[in-house]
Amino acid sequence: MTAWPATTRILLVESDEDHRKLLGQALRNHSYAVDEAGSAAEARTRLAGARYALMIAHYSLPDSTATDLLRATRGEGLLADTPAIVFTGQPDVEKSRDFELMRKPLAVSDLLRQVQAIVGAPVGPEASAPARTEAGVARVQLVLYVTRPWPSSQRAIRNLETALAGLSAGEVGLEVCDLAREPERADHDRVIFSPTLVKVRPEPRMWVVGDLTDRAVIADLLSTCGLDLPLA
């Protein structure tokens, strides 16, 4: 078994499974190796069995806080000098020399920049080139569900097309579907409101409801897939 450097592996600690999967997938799409834990106890088990370059933890865990987890595991030598990022929506959590503090709502693009600033580019077996797609198949597939007569839907179409203008068809594929004309497809994608943007590939699926006026929302969505949106 090859022992790859610790700089390739990140421990992600978050009790909300959907949020944890989203953040984990975003990191993996940027070629970082990620182990996940849903509690402080599970994190301790992970730390006892592996070395990590970085730990990312939600402050509020079901059985502890991230700061208590850091204090205990560093005292036991499980983390030693390993850096950590703690994210929280609680205003009373203060910055510390022991970790980088990020406030919620958490922008995935900001998290990825912080990770790279701390551990650099990934190395090891998972740091290979981005996965290839089949000929004629875009790396990221988006479906925008609209109700065409509605002004909000027309704005969503314009905003999305403008935002994606600098990307090639091989990077992002876009379909625009009328919710009224394709109800079965909308039901399959679990879409109720329009306009709604759905990232159908790569998994996991993601949904953005609204007219997409905020370009940062689109940028964050694409960043989870390893794509950077060109500057406006």
Protein backbone atom coordinates (compact mmCIF):
# COMPACT_ATOMS: atom_id res chain seq x y z
CA MET A 1 0.00 0.00 0.00
CA THR A 2 1.37 3.42 -0.99
CA ALA A 3 1.55 5.94 1.84
CA TRP A 4 0.69 9.26 0.23
CA PRO A 5 1.65 12.51 1.98
CA ALA A 6 -0.73 13.96 4.54
CA THR A 7 -1.05 17.04 2.31
CA THR A 8 -3.57 15.15 0.17
CA ARG A 9 -6.21 14.45 2.83
CA ILE A 10 -8.81 16.63 4.57
CA LEU A 11 -11.17 15.73 7.41
CA LEU A 12 -14.61 17.35 7.08
CA VAL A 13 -16.73 17.38 10.26
CA GLU A 14 -20.38 18.40 9.84
CA SER A 15 -23.53 16.86 11.30
CA ASP A 16 -25.85 18.05 8.51
CA GLU A 17 -25.50 15.26 5.96
CA ASP A 18 -26.65 17.27 2.93
CA HIS A 19 -24.31 20.13 3.72
CA ARG A 20 -21.45 17.75 4.44
CA LYS A 21 -21.94 15.90 1.14
CA LEU A 22 -22.05 19.18 -0.78
CA LEU A 23 -18.84 20.51 0.75
CA GLY A 24 -17.13 17.14 0.44
CA GLN A 25 -18.01 16.85 -3.23
CA ALA A 26 -16.80 20.39 -3.90
CA LEU A 27 -13.42 19.54 -2.37
CA ARG A 28 -13.19 16.26 -4.27
CA ASN A 29 -14.01 18.02 -7.53
CA HIS A 30 -10.88 20.08 -6.90
CA SER A 31 -8.89 16.83 -6.43
CA TYR A 32 -8.61 16.90 -2.64
CA ALA A 33 -9.03 13.63 -0.79
CA VAL A 34 -11.75 13.97 1.85
CA ASP A 35 -12.88 11.87 4.79
CA GLU A 36 -16.18 12.81 6.43
CA ALA A 37 -17.41 12.70 10.02
CA GLY A 38 -20.85 13.56 11.35
CA SER A 39 -19.91 14.10 14.99
CA ALA A 40 -16.99 14.85 17.27
CA ALA A 41 -16.83 11.20 18.31
CA GLU A 42 -16.61 10.06 14.70
CA ALA A 43 -13.96 12.71 14.03
CA ARG A 44 -11.85 11.42 16.92
CA THR A 45 -12.04 7.91 15.48
CA ARG A 46 -10.93 9.21 12.10
CA LEU A 47 -8.06 11.18 13.63
CA ALA A 48 -6.86 8.16 15.58
CA GLY A 49 -6.48 6.17 12.37
CA ALA A 50 -5.11 8.63 9.82
CA ARG A 51 -3.06 11.78 9.33
CA TYR A 52 -4.68 14.87 7.83
CA ALA A 53 -3.38 18.05 6.28
CA LEU A 54 -6.43 20.02 7.40
CA MET A 55 -9.60 19.67 9.42
CA ILE A 56 -12.73 21.61 8.45
CA ALA A 57 -15.44 21.57 11.11
CA HIS A 58 -18.80 23.14 11.80
CA TYR A 59 -18.69 24.81 15.19
CA SER A 60 -21.95 23.26 16.42
CA LEU A 61 -21.72 19.47 16.55
CA PRO A 62 -24.29 17.16 18.20
CA ASP A 63 -21.86 15.99 20.88
CA SER A 64 -19.40 18.87 21.20
CA THR A 65 -18.20 22.09 19.65
CA ALA A 66 -15.45 22.34 17.09
CA THR A 67 -13.27 24.32 19.48
CA ASP A 68 -13.62 21.69 22.22
CA LEU A 69 -12.86 19.00 19.66
CA LEU A 70 -9.71 20.83 18.57
CA ARG A 71 -8.57 21.39 22.14
CA ALA A 72 -9.05 17.75 23.10
CA THR A 73 -7.51 16.15 20.01
CA ARG A 74 -4.52 18.48 20.00
CA GLY A 75 -3.95 17.72 23.65
CA GLU A 76 -3.92 14.02 22.81
CA GLY A 77 -1.55 14.53 19.89
CA LEU A 78 -4.11 13.46 17.27
CA LEU A 79 -3.96 16.78 15.43
CA ALA A 80 -0.66 18.22 16.68
CA ASP A 81 0.05 21.26 14.46
CA THR A 82 -2.52 20.38 11.80
CA PRO A 83 -4.37 23.56 10.74
CA ALA A 84 -8.15 23.82 11.03
CA ILE A 85 -11.03 25.82 9.60
CA VAL A 86 -14.12 26.34 11.76
CA PHE A 87 -17.30 27.71 10.19
CA THR A 88 -20.30 28.99 12.09
CA GLY A 89 -23.31 31.24 11.98
CA GLN A 90 -23.01 32.16 15.66
CA PRO A 91 -21.80 35.75 16.12
CA ASP A 92 -20.32 35.10 19.57
CA VAL A 93 -17.67 32.65 18.28
CA GLU A 94 -14.40 34.57 18.21
CA LYS A 95 -11.30 34.23 16.05
CA SER A 96 -8.40 32.22 17.43
CA ARG A 97 -4.81 31.45 16.58
CA ASP A 98 -5.80 27.78 16.71
CA PHE A 99 -8.05 27.90 13.62
CA GLU A 100 -9.29 29.97 10.70
CA LEU A 101 -12.82 31.22 11.32
CA MET A 102 -15.35 31.49 8.48
CA ARG A 103 -18.86 32.87 8.90
CA LYS A 104 -22.04 31.38 7.50
CA PRO A 105 -23.63 31.60 5.01
CA LEU A 106 -20.56 29.86 3.63
CA ALA A 107 -19.58 30.57 0.02
CA VAL A 108 -18.06 27.41 -1.42
CA SER A 109 -15.69 29.44 -3.58
CA ASP A 110 -14.36 31.26 -0.49
CA LEU A 111 -13.86 27.96 1.32
CA LEU A 112 -11.93 26.49 -1.60
CA ARG A 113 -9.67 29.54 -1.76
CA GLN A 114 -9.01 29.26 1.98
CA VAL A 115 -8.22 25.55 1.69
CA GLN A 116 -5.75 26.14 -1.13
CA ALA A 117 -4.13 28.97 0.81
CA ILE A 118 -3.54 26.61 3.74
CA VAL A 119 -2.59 23.29 2.11
CA GLY A 120 -1.80 24.32 -1.47
CA ALA A 121 -2.60 22.28 -4.53
CA PRO A 122 -3.49 18.63 -3.84
CA VAL A 123 -0.95 15.86 -4.43
CA GLY A 124 -1.23 12.10 -4.55
CA PRO A 125 -3.51 9.65 -6.36
CA GLU A 126 -6.61 11.87 -6.33
CA ALA A 127 -4.81 14.87 -7.80
CA SER A 128 -5.05 13.64 -11.36
CA ALA A 129 -6.45 15.69 -14.22
CA PRO A 130 -10.19 16.44 -14.16
CA ALA A 131 -12.35 13.54 -15.23
CA ARG A 132 -12.95 13.34 -18.96
CA THR A 133 -16.42 13.42 -20.39
CA GLU A 134 -17.71 11.53 -23.36
CA ALA A 135 -17.52 13.24 -26.71
CA GLY A 136 -20.30 15.77 -27.05
CA VAL A 137 -21.18 15.58 -23.35
CA ALA A 138 -20.56 18.66 -21.21
CA ARG A 139 -18.63 18.38 -17.98
CA VAL A 140 -21.48 20.14 -16.13
CA GLN A 141 -25.12 19.83 -17.19
CA LEU A 142 -27.63 22.46 -16.10
CA VAL A 143 -31.39 22.61 -16.62
CA LEU A 144 -33.26 25.86 -16.10
CA TYR A 145 -36.97 25.42 -15.48
CA VAL A 146 -39.03 28.46 -16.41
CA THR A 147 -42.55 29.65 -17.06
CA ARG A 148 -41.78 31.58 -20.22
CA PRO A 149 -44.39 34.38 -20.01
CA TRP A 150 -43.23 35.35 -16.53
CA PRO A 151 -40.77 38.28 -16.31
CA SER A 152 -38.79 36.49 -13.60
CA SER A 153 -38.23 33.54 -15.93
CA GLN A 154 -37.09 35.82 -18.74
CA ARG A 155 -34.63 37.50 -16.37
CA ALA A 156 -33.32 34.11 -15.24
CA ILE A 157 -32.66 33.07 -18.85
CA ARG A 158 -30.82 36.32 -19.64
CA ASN A 159 -28.81 36.29 -16.41
CA LEU A 160 -27.73 32.68 -16.82
CA GLU A 161 -26.82 32.99 -20.49
CA THR A 162 -24.80 36.12 -19.73
CA ALA A 163 -22.97 34.43 -16.87
CA LEU A 164 -22.12 31.35 -18.96
CA ALA A 165 -21.08 33.28 -22.06
CA GLY A 166 -17.36 32.82 -21.38
CA LEU A 167 -17.56 29.04 -20.93
CA SER A 168 -17.38 26.50 -23.73
CA ALA A 169 -20.11 24.00 -24.58
CA GLY A 170 -17.74 21.24 -23.48
CA GLU A 171 -17.60 22.71 -19.99
CA VAL A 172 -21.26 23.57 -19.38
CA GLY A 173 -24.37 22.35 -21.15
CA LEU A 174 -27.61 24.25 -20.61
CA GLU A 175 -31.21 23.29 -21.31
CA VAL A 176 -34.16 25.60 -20.79
CA CYS A 177 -37.42 23.76 -20.05
CA ASP A 178 -40.91 25.18 -19.69
CA LEU A 179 -42.33 23.93 -16.40
CA ALA A 180 -45.87 23.88 -17.81
CA ARG A 181 -44.94 21.90 -20.92
CA GLU A 182 -42.71 19.31 -19.24
CA PRO A 183 -44.33 18.64 -15.86
CA GLU A 184 -43.15 15.02 -15.71
CA ARG A 185 -39.53 16.02 -16.21
CA ALA A 186 -39.90 18.77 -13.64
CA ASP A 187 -41.37 16.25 -11.21
CA HIS A 188 -38.41 13.94 -11.82
CA ASP A 189 -36.03 16.81 -10.99
CA ARG A 190 -38.16 17.72 -7.94
CA VAL A 191 -38.92 21.19 -9.26
CA ILE A 192 -42.03 23.01 -8.03
CA PHE A 193 -41.27 26.69 -8.54
CA SER A 194 -40.02 28.64 -11.52
CA PRO A 195 -37.51 29.80 -12.32
CA THR A 196 -35.37 27.02 -10.84
CA LEU A 197 -31.86 26.08 -11.95
CA VAL A 198 -30.90 22.43 -11.48
CA LYS A 199 -27.37 21.04 -11.67
CA VAL A 200 -28.06 17.52 -12.87
CA ARG A 201 -24.48 16.46 -13.51
CA PRO A 202 -22.13 15.80 -11.82
CA GLU A 203 -23.84 14.43 -8.73
CA PRO A 204 -25.01 15.46 -6.24
CA ARG A 205 -27.86 17.47 -7.74
CA MET A 206 -28.27 21.06 -6.66
CA TRP A 207 -31.16 23.52 -6.96
CA VAL A 208 -31.20 27.32 -7.12
CA VAL A 209 -34.58 29.05 -7.03
CA GLY A 210 -34.91 32.60 -8.33
CA ASP A 211 -34.07 34.83 -11.28
CA LEU A 212 -30.28 34.37 -10.86
CA THR A 213 -29.62 38.09 -10.52
CA ASP A 214 -26.84 37.33 -8.04
CA ARG A 215 -23.96 36.13 -10.24
CA ALA A 216 -22.14 34.84 -7.15
CA VAL A 217 -24.79 32.13 -6.76
CA ILE A 218 -23.98 30.78 -10.22
CA ALA A 219 -20.25 31.07 -9.53
CA ASP A 220 -20.59 29.07 -6.31
CA LEU A 221 -22.64 26.41 -8.06
CA LEU A 222 -20.00 25.95 -10.76
CA SER A 223 -17.16 26.07 -8.26
CA THR A 224 -18.49 22.86 -6.68
CA CYS A 225 -17.80 21.25 -10.07
CA GLY A 226 -14.27 22.60 -10.38
CA LEU A 227 -15.15 25.41 -12.80
CA ASP A 228 -14.35 29.08 -12.33
CA LEU A 229 -16.84 31.54 -13.75
CA PRO A 230 -15.12 34.18 -15.90
CA LEU A 231 -15.13 37.67 -14.49
CA ALA A 232 -17.99 39.89 -15.65
